[in-house]
Amino acid sequence: MIFSSFRFSGPITNERNYPMRKCFVFLLVLFVFLAAAAVQADDLADVTKNGVLRMGSSPEYIPFVFYDENEKMSGMDIALIEEVARRMGVTLQTVDIAFDGLIDALKIGQVDIIGRGMSKTAAREELIDFTKVYYKGEAQFIALSSLPKPASVDYSSFSNLKIGVQKATSFEQWIRDNLVSGGYVDLKNIYLYSNATDLMKGLDRKDVDLVVLDQDVYELFYKPTGNYQMFYDGFLEEDYAFGLQKGSTLTDVVNQHLSDMIKDGTAQQIADRFFSMNYGEDDSTIIHPTVVPTAAPVVYPTQPAPAACINSMTFVADVTIPDGTQVAPGEYFTKTWRVYNNGTCAWTPDYSFVYVTGDQMSGNNIYVPGTVAMGQTADLSVDFIAPSGNGSYKGYWQMRAPTGLNFGETVWVNVNVSDGPQPVYPTPTPDDGQHYIPISINSFYADSYQGYPENCVTVYWSTSGATGAEILVDGVSLYQWDDPNGSRTICNEVSNFGGHQIQLHALNVVTDAWASFTYTTTEHPTGLITPVPEHATGLIVP
């Protein structure tokens, strides 16, 4: 098959921005409003000077963008821009960003170019510039083979059927303009999904009767199973292009390289490679959720209004459970990520941190503890239970705005489950006066949790390994830098039943080192609160 637009694959490094330098943080805070409000004077010069072209993508759309067996971001879109970068004489750096947040990440200057089988629509053209169209997609309405199909299908055949479609695509707009506005389909029967994988899962679960899917993807991955059928004889068209900032000086350069690659056959070779690859069920790029099934789709009755400010997030560091940490089967553990608000919107407790795909390991969505202003970092902690079977498990998480749209870099928890001897982690050696301090929370309990503002509660704690402590409950600081074993009577801070996040910030004045420990409590009828078992180790906070 000849593609009028292409991409290519190659070994790409999916770099996560590990601890940012203080000078970078300072400059980002200083210029973030300018980056959001104005286009860079010469982003081509910046890319050339830095030697890096940063591409934001959302790797959940085989064969366009996905993670390969080496956990590297790959796919036709990635390979296409990698070749563009090579011809420019720079290196490609990929950043995993929530699909809904790609345009904002571009506008804020977090990345230079975005792509993920992204359709070029009039609404998006008001926000960003696009390259030339490199792929013309055709989509079909797909149903399970078991769905009765009329002998002749027209618009009236869609009546009373639930239809799933990827949100923010021209396909969604076509359904609204033709089926909904025409009175053939009720808006409540339109289900919006963030990616093609979840789209097909919804069809398999019979959450919806039909889905709109790229025809090439259907022909390659789903039709051979015999489980599906094309419901409608016509097809929908969609133009894929890469996005850049308004007025970007990169646009002409990228377009020139795309045109050259089409002429010299490079683009076609890449398209042929990815559409001929075997993406079988045993391939490690196929993610199998564990314990908890994929959540039901979110239905938006209307398009959410654009925010006056920009939501954006970048990953800073793994505070606990670095990639590849070994845990025992069924072990409770807490993963803490440090993230940075590089957008212009403050994160309030209405913002959340949510599971999106992969191995959930019983992790639950959490709300942001407190307000995180532009230029501030936040530590986000989620409790997990290791699966019972040995192996490597990985789950992906994203930030979510109150509008229901995800944004920012995708982060993950990655553990190796083994029932063999657990590793003994060596004590880090002193470095610039900072020393490792083992911190233990011996107990934390309350005499009552009535949940009403007029009722007070006394909280007690006991620690080891610290000379001073700060205690926070659900992000509220209750007790600061005094006795590491003590109590506090509070009346208003804790006003809900159920589990609570308890955080201990500890200070050892002898070694002048900081340490922190976070766990989630479980409330019992007696009022006793006990910590969920996890690694009892202190964590150095520079």
Protein backbone atom coordinates (compact mmCIF):
# COMPACT_ATOMS: atom_id res chain seq x y z
CA MET A 1 0.00 0.00 0.00
CA ILE A 2 1.34 3.45 -0.90
CA PHE A 3 0.99 6.13 1.79
CA SER A 4 0.70 9.77 0.87
CA SER A 5 2.26 10.64 4.22
CA PHE A 6 4.75 8.64 6.18
CA ARG A 7 6.87 8.11 9.28
CA PHE A 8 9.72 5.89 10.27
CA SER A 9 11.09 3.85 13.08
CA GLY A 10 14.44 3.63 14.64
CA PRO A 11 16.11 3.36 18.00
CA ILE A 12 14.83 6.36 19.95
CA THR A 13 15.59 7.31 23.49
CA ASN A 14 12.50 8.07 25.56
CA GLU A 15 14.12 10.45 27.97
CA ARG A 16 12.48 11.43 31.22
CA ASN A 17 13.76 14.75 32.50
CA TYR A 18 15.56 13.62 35.63
CA PRO A 19 16.20 16.09 38.43
CA MET A 20 16.17 19.54 36.89
CA ARG A 21 18.98 21.94 37.60
CA LYS A 22 18.06 24.86 39.80
CA CYS A 23 19.05 27.34 37.13
CA PHE A 24 16.66 25.72 34.65
CA VAL A 25 13.81 25.82 37.16
CA PHE A 26 14.49 29.50 37.85
CA LEU A 27 14.54 30.44 34.18
CA LEU A 28 11.43 28.41 33.45
CA VAL A 29 9.51 30.18 36.18
CA LEU A 30 10.80 33.53 34.97
CA PHE A 31 9.77 33.05 31.34
CA VAL A 32 6.81 30.69 31.53
CA PHE A 33 4.22 33.43 30.96
CA LEU A 34 6.17 34.78 28.03
CA ALA A 35 6.44 31.29 26.54
CA ALA A 36 2.70 30.83 26.84
CA ALA A 37 1.78 34.21 25.44
CA ALA A 38 4.30 34.69 22.65
CA VAL A 39 6.03 32.59 20.04
CA GLN A 40 9.75 32.05 20.35
CA ALA A 41 11.70 34.52 18.23
CA ASP A 42 13.66 31.75 16.51
CA ASP A 43 13.03 28.21 17.75
CA LEU A 44 14.99 26.77 14.82
CA ALA A 45 18.07 28.59 16.11
CA ASP A 46 17.38 27.24 19.61
CA VAL A 47 17.14 23.65 18.37
CA THR A 48 20.31 24.04 16.30
CA LYS A 49 22.20 25.62 19.19
CA ASN A 50 21.12 22.98 21.73
CA GLY A 51 21.53 20.11 19.30
CA VAL A 52 18.22 18.59 20.42
CA LEU A 53 14.77 18.47 18.83
CA ARG A 54 12.17 17.72 21.51
CA MET A 55 9.10 15.83 20.35
CA GLY A 56 6.01 15.38 22.48
CA SER A 57 3.81 12.37 21.80
CA SER A 58 1.31 10.03 23.39
CA PRO A 59 2.45 6.44 22.67
CA GLU A 60 -0.81 4.52 22.58
CA TYR A 61 -1.58 4.24 18.88
CA ILE A 62 0.06 1.29 17.10
CA PRO A 63 1.68 1.55 14.55
CA PHE A 64 1.95 5.34 14.71
CA VAL A 65 3.37 5.72 18.23
CA PHE A 66 3.95 3.05 20.87
CA TYR A 67 6.52 1.60 23.25
CA ASP A 68 8.62 -1.19 21.75
CA GLU A 69 9.96 -4.32 23.47
CA ASN A 70 12.84 -2.27 24.90
CA GLU A 71 10.47 0.26 26.48
CA LYS A 72 11.54 2.90 23.96
CA MET A 73 9.06 5.17 22.22
CA SER A 74 8.77 3.98 18.62
CA GLY A 75 6.40 4.06 15.66
CA MET A 76 6.09 5.75 12.30
CA ASP A 77 5.58 9.23 13.74
CA ILE A 78 8.65 8.91 15.95
CA ALA A 79 10.78 7.50 13.16
CA LEU A 80 9.73 10.23 10.76
CA ILE A 81 10.79 13.03 13.09
CA GLU A 82 13.94 11.12 14.06
CA GLU A 83 14.95 11.16 10.40
CA VAL A 84 14.10 14.86 10.19
CA ALA A 85 16.33 15.46 13.22
CA ARG A 86 19.15 13.42 11.66
CA ARG A 87 18.99 15.47 8.48
CA MET A 88 19.04 18.63 10.58
CA GLY A 89 22.15 17.40 12.37
CA VAL A 90 20.51 17.24 15.81
CA THR A 91 19.35 14.51 18.21
CA LEU A 92 15.71 13.61 18.80
CA GLN A 93 14.44 13.59 22.39
CA THR A 94 10.95 12.18 22.95
CA VAL A 95 8.67 13.17 25.82
CA ASP A 96 5.63 11.07 26.80
CA ILE A 97 2.76 13.51 27.31
CA ALA A 98 -0.98 12.98 27.80
CA PHE A 99 -2.72 13.35 24.42
CA ASP A 100 -5.05 16.07 25.71
CA GLY A 101 -2.03 18.03 26.93
CA LEU A 102 0.11 17.89 23.78
CA ILE A 103 -0.92 21.27 22.40
CA ASP A 104 -0.47 22.97 25.78
CA ALA A 105 2.99 21.38 26.16
CA LEU A 106 3.87 22.85 22.77
CA LYS A 107 2.51 26.29 23.64
CA ILE A 108 4.35 26.37 26.97
CA GLY A 109 7.65 25.51 25.22
CA GLN A 110 8.11 22.12 26.88
CA VAL A 111 8.55 20.53 23.42
CA ASP A 112 9.33 21.81 19.92
CA ILE A 113 7.02 19.58 17.87
CA ILE A 114 4.13 17.22 18.58
CA GLY A 115 2.67 14.23 16.78
CA ARG A 116 0.68 11.04 17.34
CA GLY A 117 -1.47 10.38 14.32
CA MET A 118 -2.77 13.88 15.00
CA SER A 119 -5.48 15.10 12.68
CA LYS A 120 -5.21 18.56 11.18
CA THR A 121 -8.47 20.29 12.07
CA ALA A 122 -9.69 23.87 11.75
CA ALA A 123 -10.05 24.18 15.53
CA ARG A 124 -6.47 23.09 16.11
CA GLU A 125 -5.16 25.37 13.36
CA GLU A 126 -6.39 28.31 15.44
CA LEU A 127 -4.03 27.23 18.23
CA ILE A 128 -0.92 25.88 16.48
CA ASP A 129 0.72 25.56 13.07
CA PHE A 130 0.88 22.27 11.19
CA THR A 131 3.37 20.72 8.83
CA LYS A 132 2.30 19.40 5.46
CA VAL A 133 -0.02 16.39 5.62
CA TYR A 134 2.12 13.26 5.70
CA TYR A 135 -0.61 10.61 5.98
CA LYS A 136 -4.20 10.52 4.79
CA GLY A 137 -6.21 8.25 7.04
CA GLU A 138 -9.45 6.53 6.19
CA ALA A 139 -11.68 5.28 8.99
CA GLN A 140 -14.49 2.77 9.16
CA PHE A 141 -17.31 1.99 11.57
CA ILE A 142 -16.32 -1.33 13.17
CA ALA A 143 -18.63 -3.66 15.12
CA LEU A 144 -18.34 -7.08 16.69
CA SER A 145 -19.17 -9.89 14.29
CA SER A 146 -22.11 -10.81 16.51
CA LEU A 147 -23.92 -7.50 15.91
CA PRO A 148 -26.80 -7.92 13.40
CA LYS A 149 -26.13 -5.76 10.36
CA PRO A 150 -28.95 -4.49 8.10
CA ALA A 151 -28.79 -5.48 4.45
CA SER A 152 -28.46 -1.80 3.56
CA VAL A 153 -26.86 0.62 6.03
CA ASP A 154 -27.64 4.34 5.98
CA TYR A 155 -27.61 7.07 8.63
CA SER A 156 -30.87 5.83 10.12
CA SER A 157 -29.18 2.49 10.86
CA PHE A 158 -27.15 4.19 13.60
CA SER A 159 -30.25 5.01 15.62
CA ASN A 160 -30.16 3.58 19.18
CA LEU A 161 -26.58 2.35 18.72
CA LYS A 162 -23.78 3.45 21.05
CA ILE A 163 -20.78 4.76 19.14
CA GLY A 164 -17.22 5.03 20.42
CA VAL A 165 -14.72 7.44 18.88
CA GLN A 166 -11.39 8.98 19.78
CA LYS A 167 -11.96 12.42 21.21
CA ALA A 168 -10.61 15.58 19.58
CA THR A 169 -10.47 13.98 16.13
CA SER A 170 -12.15 14.93 12.88
CA PHE A 171 -14.05 11.65 13.20
CA GLU A 172 -15.69 12.90 16.39
CA GLN A 173 -16.63 16.12 14.63
CA TRP A 174 -18.07 14.19 11.66
CA ILE A 175 -20.32 12.19 14.00
CA ARG A 176 -21.51 15.37 15.69
CA ASP A 177 -22.13 17.18 12.39
CA ASN A 178 -23.82 14.33 10.55
CA LEU A 179 -25.30 11.81 12.98
CA VAL A 180 -26.05 13.95 16.06
CA SER A 181 -27.03 17.21 14.36
CA GLY A 182 -29.00 15.23 11.79
CA GLY A 183 -31.09 13.67 14.54
CA TYR A 184 -29.99 10.11 13.83
CA VAL A 185 -28.03 9.55 17.08
CA ASP A 186 -28.61 10.91 20.58
CA LEU A 187 -25.58 12.72 21.99
CA LYS A 188 -25.70 10.54 25.10
CA ASN A 189 -24.87 7.55 22.90
CA ILE A 190 -21.52 9.02 21.81
CA TYR A 191 -18.61 7.74 23.91
CA LEU A 192 -15.25 9.48 23.72
CA TYR A 193 -12.00 7.58 24.29
CA SER A 194 -8.48 8.94 24.64
CA ASN A 195 -6.79 6.31 22.45
CA ALA A 196 -7.42 3.46 20.01
CA THR A 197 -6.51 0.76 22.53
CA ASP A 198 -9.19 1.84 25.00
CA LEU A 199 -11.58 2.32 22.08
CA MET A 200 -11.33 -1.34 21.07
CA LYS A 201 -11.45 -2.50 24.69
CA GLY A 202 -14.76 -0.66 25.00
CA LEU A 203 -16.07 -2.48 21.95
CA ASP A 204 -14.90 -5.86 23.28
CA ARG A 205 -16.64 -5.19 26.61
CA LYS A 206 -19.78 -4.15 24.67
CA ASP A 207 -19.76 -0.72 26.30
CA VAL A 208 -20.43 0.49 22.76
CA ASP A 209 -21.91 -1.13 19.65
CA LEU A 210 -19.66 0.58 17.08
CA VAL A 211 -16.30 2.30 17.02
CA VAL A 212 -14.63 4.52 14.44
CA LEU A 213 -11.18 3.10 13.67
CA ASP A 214 -8.46 3.84 11.12
CA GLN A 215 -8.99 1.39 8.25
CA ASP A 216 -5.31 0.47 7.94
CA VAL A 217 -5.14 -0.30 11.67
CA TYR A 218 -8.31 -2.38 11.40
CA GLU A 219 -7.07 -4.33 8.38
CA LEU A 220 -3.72 -5.08 9.98
CA PHE A 221 -4.54 -5.83 13.61
CA TYR A 222 -8.23 -6.60 14.08
CA LYS A 223 -9.77 -7.99 10.89
CA PRO A 224 -7.55 -11.14 10.90
CA THR A 225 -9.05 -12.22 14.25
CA GLY A 226 -12.49 -12.72 12.70
CA ASN A 227 -14.11 -11.08 15.72
CA TYR A 228 -15.10 -7.87 13.94
CA GLN A 229 -16.92 -6.55 10.89
CA MET A 230 -17.20 -3.28 9.00
CA PHE A 231 -20.65 -1.87 9.65
CA TYR A 232 -20.83 0.94 7.11
CA ASP A 233 -19.78 0.82 3.44
CA GLY A 234 -18.58 4.43 3.36
CA PHE A 235 -15.52 5.78 5.11
CA LEU A 236 -14.33 8.93 6.83
CA GLU A 237 -11.13 10.77 5.94
CA GLU A 238 -8.59 12.37 8.23
CA ASP A 239 -5.34 14.21 7.47
CA TYR A 240 -2.40 13.59 9.82
CA ALA A 241 0.26 16.28 10.35
CA PHE A 242 2.78 17.35 12.97
CA GLY A 243 2.13 20.39 15.15
CA LEU A 244 4.44 23.32 15.87
CA GLN A 245 4.10 26.65 17.65
CA LYS A 246 2.37 29.49 15.85
CA GLY A 247 4.89 31.19 13.59
CA SER A 248 7.54 28.55 14.26
CA THR A 249 10.73 28.91 12.26
CA LEU A 250 10.97 25.10 12.32
CA THR A 251 7.95 24.62 10.06
CA ASP A 252 9.63 25.28 6.71
CA VAL A 253 12.64 23.13 7.61
CA VAL A 254 10.52 20.18 8.72
CA ASN A 255 8.35 20.48 5.61
CA GLN A 256 11.38 20.51 3.35
CA HIS A 257 12.79 17.35 4.92
CA LEU A 258 9.39 15.62 4.75
CA SER A 259 9.14 16.46 1.05
CA ASP A 260 12.68 15.19 0.41
CA MET A 261 11.96 11.96 2.26
CA ILE A 262 8.85 11.36 0.18
CA LYS A 263 10.77 11.98 -3.03
CA ASP A 264 13.75 9.77 -2.16
CA GLY A 265 11.56 6.91 -0.89
CA THR A 266 12.69 7.03 2.75
CA ALA A 267 9.19 7.78 4.01
CA GLN A 268 7.63 4.92 2.07
CA GLN A 269 10.21 2.48 3.41
CA ILE A 270 9.36 3.49 6.94
CA ALA A 271 5.61 3.20 6.34
CA ASP A 272 6.09 -0.26 4.83
CA ARG A 273 8.21 -1.35 7.78
CA PHE A 274 5.71 -0.41 10.46
CA PHE A 275 2.65 -1.69 8.63
CA SER A 276 4.37 -5.02 8.02
CA MET A 277 5.55 -5.55 11.61
CA ASN A 278 3.93 -8.23 13.74
CA TYR A 279 2.24 -6.77 16.80
CA GLY A 280 0.97 -10.04 18.26
CA GLU A 281 -0.69 -10.48 21.61
CA ASP A 282 2.55 -11.87 23.04
CA ASP A 283 4.43 -8.71 22.08
CA SER A 284 5.54 -6.74 25.12
CA THR A 285 4.06 -3.57 23.62
CA ILE A 286 0.60 -5.04 24.27
CA ILE A 287 -0.15 -3.99 27.83
CA HIS A 288 -2.14 -6.33 30.02
CA PRO A 289 -3.86 -4.68 33.01
CA THR A 290 -3.76 -6.66 36.25
CA VAL A 291 -6.29 -6.92 39.07
CA VAL A 292 -8.42 -3.92 38.09
CA PRO A 293 -10.18 -3.70 34.68
CA THR A 294 -10.01 -0.65 32.46
CA ALA A 295 -12.40 2.04 33.64
CA ALA A 296 -15.57 2.82 31.71
CA PRO A 297 -15.24 5.58 29.11
CA VAL A 298 -15.82 9.20 30.00
CA VAL A 299 -18.74 10.73 28.14
CA TYR A 300 -18.56 14.47 27.48
CA PRO A 301 -21.98 15.98 26.68
CA THR A 302 -20.31 19.08 25.24
CA GLN A 303 -16.80 20.09 24.29
CA PRO A 304 -15.05 21.50 27.40
CA ALA A 305 -14.35 25.22 27.20
CA PRO A 306 -10.70 26.14 26.76
CA ALA A 307 -8.94 27.12 29.95
CA ALA A 308 -7.80 30.69 30.45
CA CYS A 309 -4.45 29.36 31.67
CA ILE A 310 -2.30 26.45 30.52
CA ASN A 311 -2.03 23.13 32.38
CA SER A 312 1.37 21.48 32.11
CA MET A 313 3.54 19.15 34.19
CA THR A 314 7.04 17.76 33.89
CA PHE A 315 8.61 14.84 35.72
CA VAL A 316 11.44 15.63 38.16
CA ALA A 317 12.44 12.45 40.01
CA ASP A 318 11.42 9.10 41.46
CA VAL A 319 11.40 9.80 45.19
CA THR A 320 10.68 6.14 46.00
CA ILE A 321 10.63 2.87 44.06
CA PRO A 322 12.99 3.66 41.17
CA ASP A 323 12.47 1.68 37.96
CA GLY A 324 13.27 -2.01 38.39
CA THR A 325 12.86 -2.11 42.19
CA GLN A 326 12.41 -5.70 43.37
CA VAL A 327 9.35 -6.43 45.52
CA ALA A 328 7.84 -9.62 46.86
CA PRO A 329 4.54 -11.07 45.54
CA GLY A 330 1.61 -9.40 47.28
CA GLU A 331 3.84 -6.81 48.94
CA TYR A 332 2.40 -3.40 49.77
CA PHE A 333 4.55 -0.50 48.59
CA THR A 334 4.21 3.23 48.03
CA LYS A 335 5.52 4.94 44.93
CA THR A 336 6.22 8.67 45.17
CA TRP A 337 6.90 10.87 42.14
CA ARG A 338 8.23 14.41 42.31
CA VAL A 339 6.67 16.55 39.57
CA TYR A 340 6.96 20.19 38.58
CA ASN A 341 4.19 22.61 37.62
CA ASN A 342 5.62 24.24 34.50
CA GLY A 343 2.24 25.53 33.36
CA THR A 344 0.41 28.75 34.17
CA CYS A 345 -2.52 27.16 36.05
CA ALA A 346 -2.18 26.49 39.77
CA TRP A 347 -3.09 22.92 40.71
CA THR A 348 -5.78 22.86 43.36
CA PRO A 349 -7.17 19.88 45.32
CA ASP A 350 -9.67 19.49 42.44
CA TYR A 351 -6.79 18.26 40.27
CA SER A 352 -6.03 14.56 40.40
CA PHE A 353 -3.33 12.05 39.57
CA VAL A 354 -4.83 9.08 37.71
CA TYR A 355 -4.05 5.64 36.34
CA VAL A 356 -4.24 5.49 32.54
CA THR A 357 -2.98 2.09 31.35
CA GLY A 358 -0.68 -0.84 32.05
CA ASP A 359 -0.47 -2.70 35.36
CA GLN A 360 -2.62 -0.93 37.92
CA MET A 361 -1.54 -3.10 40.87
CA SER A 362 -4.54 -1.93 42.93
CA GLY A 363 -3.35 1.68 42.81
CA ASN A 364 -6.16 4.22 43.21
CA ASN A 365 -6.44 7.71 41.76
CA ILE A 366 -5.56 10.47 44.21
CA TYR A 367 -6.24 14.20 44.46
CA VAL A 368 -3.45 16.75 44.60
CA PRO A 369 -2.71 17.42 48.30
CA GLY A 370 -3.02 21.18 48.58
CA THR A 371 -2.35 23.92 46.05
CA VAL A 372 0.70 23.75 43.78
CA ALA A 373 1.44 27.10 42.16
CA MET A 374 3.28 27.69 38.91
CA GLY A 375 6.98 26.95 39.41
CA GLN A 376 6.46 24.67 42.43
CA THR A 377 7.10 20.95 42.82
CA ALA A 378 4.81 18.39 44.41
CA ASP A 379 5.30 14.86 45.68
CA LEU A 380 2.51 12.52 44.58
CA SER A 381 2.22 9.18 46.38
CA VAL A 382 0.13 6.14 45.42
CA ASP A 383 -0.15 2.86 47.35
CA PHE A 384 0.22 -0.35 45.38
CA ILE A 385 0.00 -4.09 45.96
CA ALA A 386 2.48 -6.19 43.99
CA PRO A 387 0.88 -8.88 41.78
CA SER A 388 1.10 -12.49 42.97
CA GLY A 389 3.04 -13.73 39.95
CA ASN A 390 6.73 -13.17 39.32
CA GLY A 391 7.67 -10.84 36.49
CA SER A 392 8.06 -7.22 35.47
CA TYR A 393 5.06 -4.92 35.88
CA LYS A 394 4.60 -1.35 34.72
CA GLY A 395 1.71 1.08 35.10
CA TYR A 396 1.30 4.53 33.57
CA TRP A 397 -0.12 7.60 35.36
CA GLN A 398 -1.03 11.17 34.37
CA MET A 399 -2.29 14.42 35.83
CA ARG A 400 -5.97 15.28 35.29
CA ALA A 401 -7.54 18.73 35.37
CA PRO A 402 -11.00 19.38 36.90
CA THR A 403 -12.35 19.47 33.30
CA GLY A 404 -11.57 15.75 33.01
CA LEU A 405 -8.73 16.27 30.52
CA ASN A 406 -5.34 14.71 31.23
CA PHE A 407 -2.17 16.74 30.75
CA GLY A 408 1.57 16.77 31.26
CA GLU A 409 4.25 14.11 31.06
CA THR A 410 3.25 10.50 31.59
CA VAL A 411 5.03 8.86 34.52
CA TRP A 412 5.11 5.24 35.53
CA VAL A 413 5.76 2.73 38.28
CA ASN A 414 7.92 -0.22 37.23
CA VAL A 415 8.72 -3.10 39.60
CA ASN A 416 10.14 -6.60 39.32
CA VAL A 417 8.13 -9.09 41.38
CA SER A 418 10.14 -12.01 42.72
CA ASP A 419 9.51 -14.55 45.49
CA GLY A 420 13.27 -15.11 45.86
CA PRO A 421 15.55 -13.41 48.39
CA GLN A 422 14.88 -9.70 48.48
CA PRO A 423 17.87 -7.47 47.76
CA VAL A 424 19.61 -5.60 50.55
CA TYR A 425 20.07 -2.01 49.49
CA PRO A 426 23.40 -0.55 50.70
CA THR A 427 23.48 2.57 52.82
CA PRO A 428 24.51 5.52 50.62
CA THR A 429 27.83 7.09 51.51
CA PRO A 430 27.97 10.71 52.72
CA ASP A 431 27.84 13.27 49.93
CA ASP A 432 28.39 16.98 50.58
CA GLY A 433 27.33 16.66 54.19
CA GLN A 434 24.09 14.79 53.41
CA HIS A 435 23.80 11.34 54.92
CA TYR A 436 21.31 8.53 54.64
CA ILE A 437 19.02 8.35 57.66
CA PRO A 438 16.81 5.32 58.22
CA ILE A 439 13.40 6.63 59.25
CA SER A 440 10.76 4.45 60.85
CA ILE A 441 7.21 5.42 61.71
CA ASN A 442 6.50 3.27 64.71
CA SER A 443 2.86 4.31 65.12
CA PHE A 444 0.30 6.85 64.11
CA TYR A 445 -3.20 6.75 65.51
CA ALA A 446 -6.11 8.96 66.52
CA ASP A 447 -8.51 8.75 69.43
CA SER A 448 -11.51 9.60 67.23
CA TYR A 449 -12.44 10.41 63.66
CA GLN A 450 -15.97 11.77 63.75
CA GLY A 451 -15.58 13.76 60.55
CA TYR A 452 -17.37 16.91 61.71
CA PRO A 453 -15.77 20.36 62.14
CA GLU A 454 -17.15 20.75 65.66
CA ASN A 455 -15.49 17.51 66.81
CA CYS A 456 -11.78 17.57 67.63
CA VAL A 457 -9.37 14.66 67.32
CA THR A 458 -5.99 13.98 68.91
CA VAL A 459 -3.36 12.48 66.62
CA TYR A 460 -0.35 10.61 68.06
CA TRP A 461 2.90 9.56 66.37
CA SER A 462 6.17 7.88 67.17
CA THR A 463 9.29 7.85 64.95
CA SER A 464 12.87 6.62 65.01
CA GLY A 465 16.01 8.06 63.42
CA ALA A 466 15.10 11.76 63.47
CA THR A 467 15.73 14.64 65.86
CA GLY A 468 12.78 16.68 64.62
CA ALA A 469 9.66 16.07 62.57
CA GLU A 470 6.89 17.74 60.65
CA ILE A 471 3.60 15.86 60.40
CA LEU A 472 1.15 16.46 57.56
CA VAL A 473 -2.33 14.97 57.16
CA ASP A 474 -3.76 15.11 53.63
CA GLY A 475 -1.22 17.79 52.75
CA VAL A 476 -1.96 19.98 55.81
CA SER A 477 1.00 20.68 58.08
CA LEU A 478 -0.02 19.95 61.68
CA TYR A 479 3.21 19.87 63.65
CA GLN A 480 6.58 21.36 62.75
CA TRP A 481 10.18 20.76 63.79
CA ASP A 482 9.93 19.70 67.40
CA ASP A 483 9.71 16.34 69.16
CA PRO A 484 9.80 13.41 66.67
CA ASN A 485 7.44 11.60 69.07
CA GLY A 486 4.38 13.56 70.01
CA SER A 487 0.72 14.40 69.55
CA ARG A 488 -1.50 17.12 68.17
CA THR A 489 -5.15 17.98 68.78
CA ILE A 490 -6.91 19.30 65.69
CA CYS A 491 -10.50 20.30 65.02
CA ASN A 492 -10.90 21.30 61.38
CA GLU A 493 -8.10 19.88 59.24
CA VAL A 494 -9.48 16.33 59.02
CA SER A 495 -13.13 16.38 58.04
CA ASN A 496 -13.79 13.17 56.13
CA PHE A 497 -14.03 9.49 56.91
CA GLY A 498 -11.80 6.85 55.34
CA GLY A 499 -8.09 6.60 54.60
CA HIS A 500 -5.77 9.56 54.93
CA GLN A 501 -2.32 10.38 53.61
CA ILE A 502 0.14 10.80 56.46
CA GLN A 503 3.51 12.36 55.69
CA LEU A 504 6.50 12.68 57.97
CA HIS A 505 9.26 15.16 57.12
CA ALA A 506 12.20 14.44 59.40
CA LEU A 507 15.37 16.39 60.21
CA ASN A 508 18.55 15.12 61.78
CA VAL A 509 20.45 18.12 63.12
CA VAL A 510 23.62 16.08 63.67
CA THR A 511 24.15 15.19 59.99
CA ASP A 512 22.15 18.16 58.67
CA ALA A 513 20.15 15.86 56.39
CA TRP A 514 16.48 15.79 55.48
CA ALA A 515 14.36 12.72 55.06
CA SER A 516 10.70 12.10 54.30
CA PHE A 517 8.30 9.21 54.62
CA THR A 518 4.77 8.91 53.27
CA TYR A 519 2.11 6.27 53.77
CA THR A 520 -1.65 5.95 53.58
CA THR A 521 -3.67 5.02 56.63
CA THR A 522 -6.72 2.83 56.97
CA GLU A 523 -9.45 3.82 59.39
CA HIS A 524 -10.87 1.20 61.75
CA PRO A 525 -14.15 1.40 63.72
CA THR A 526 -12.17 1.90 66.94
CA GLY A 527 -10.57 5.04 65.55
CA LEU A 528 -7.16 3.34 65.39
CA ILE A 529 -5.17 4.24 62.27
CA THR A 530 -2.47 1.86 61.11
CA PRO A 531 0.07 2.33 58.31
CA VAL A 532 -0.08 0.13 55.25
CA PRO A 533 3.08 -2.07 55.22
CA GLU A 534 5.86 -0.77 53.01
CA HIS A 535 9.62 -0.27 52.90
CA ALA A 536 10.71 1.39 56.15
CA THR A 537 13.45 3.54 54.68
CA GLY A 538 14.23 7.20 54.82
CA LEU A 539 14.64 9.20 51.65
CA ILE A 540 17.11 12.00 51.31
CA VAL A 541 15.60 15.29 50.20
CA PRO A 542 18.33 17.69 48.97
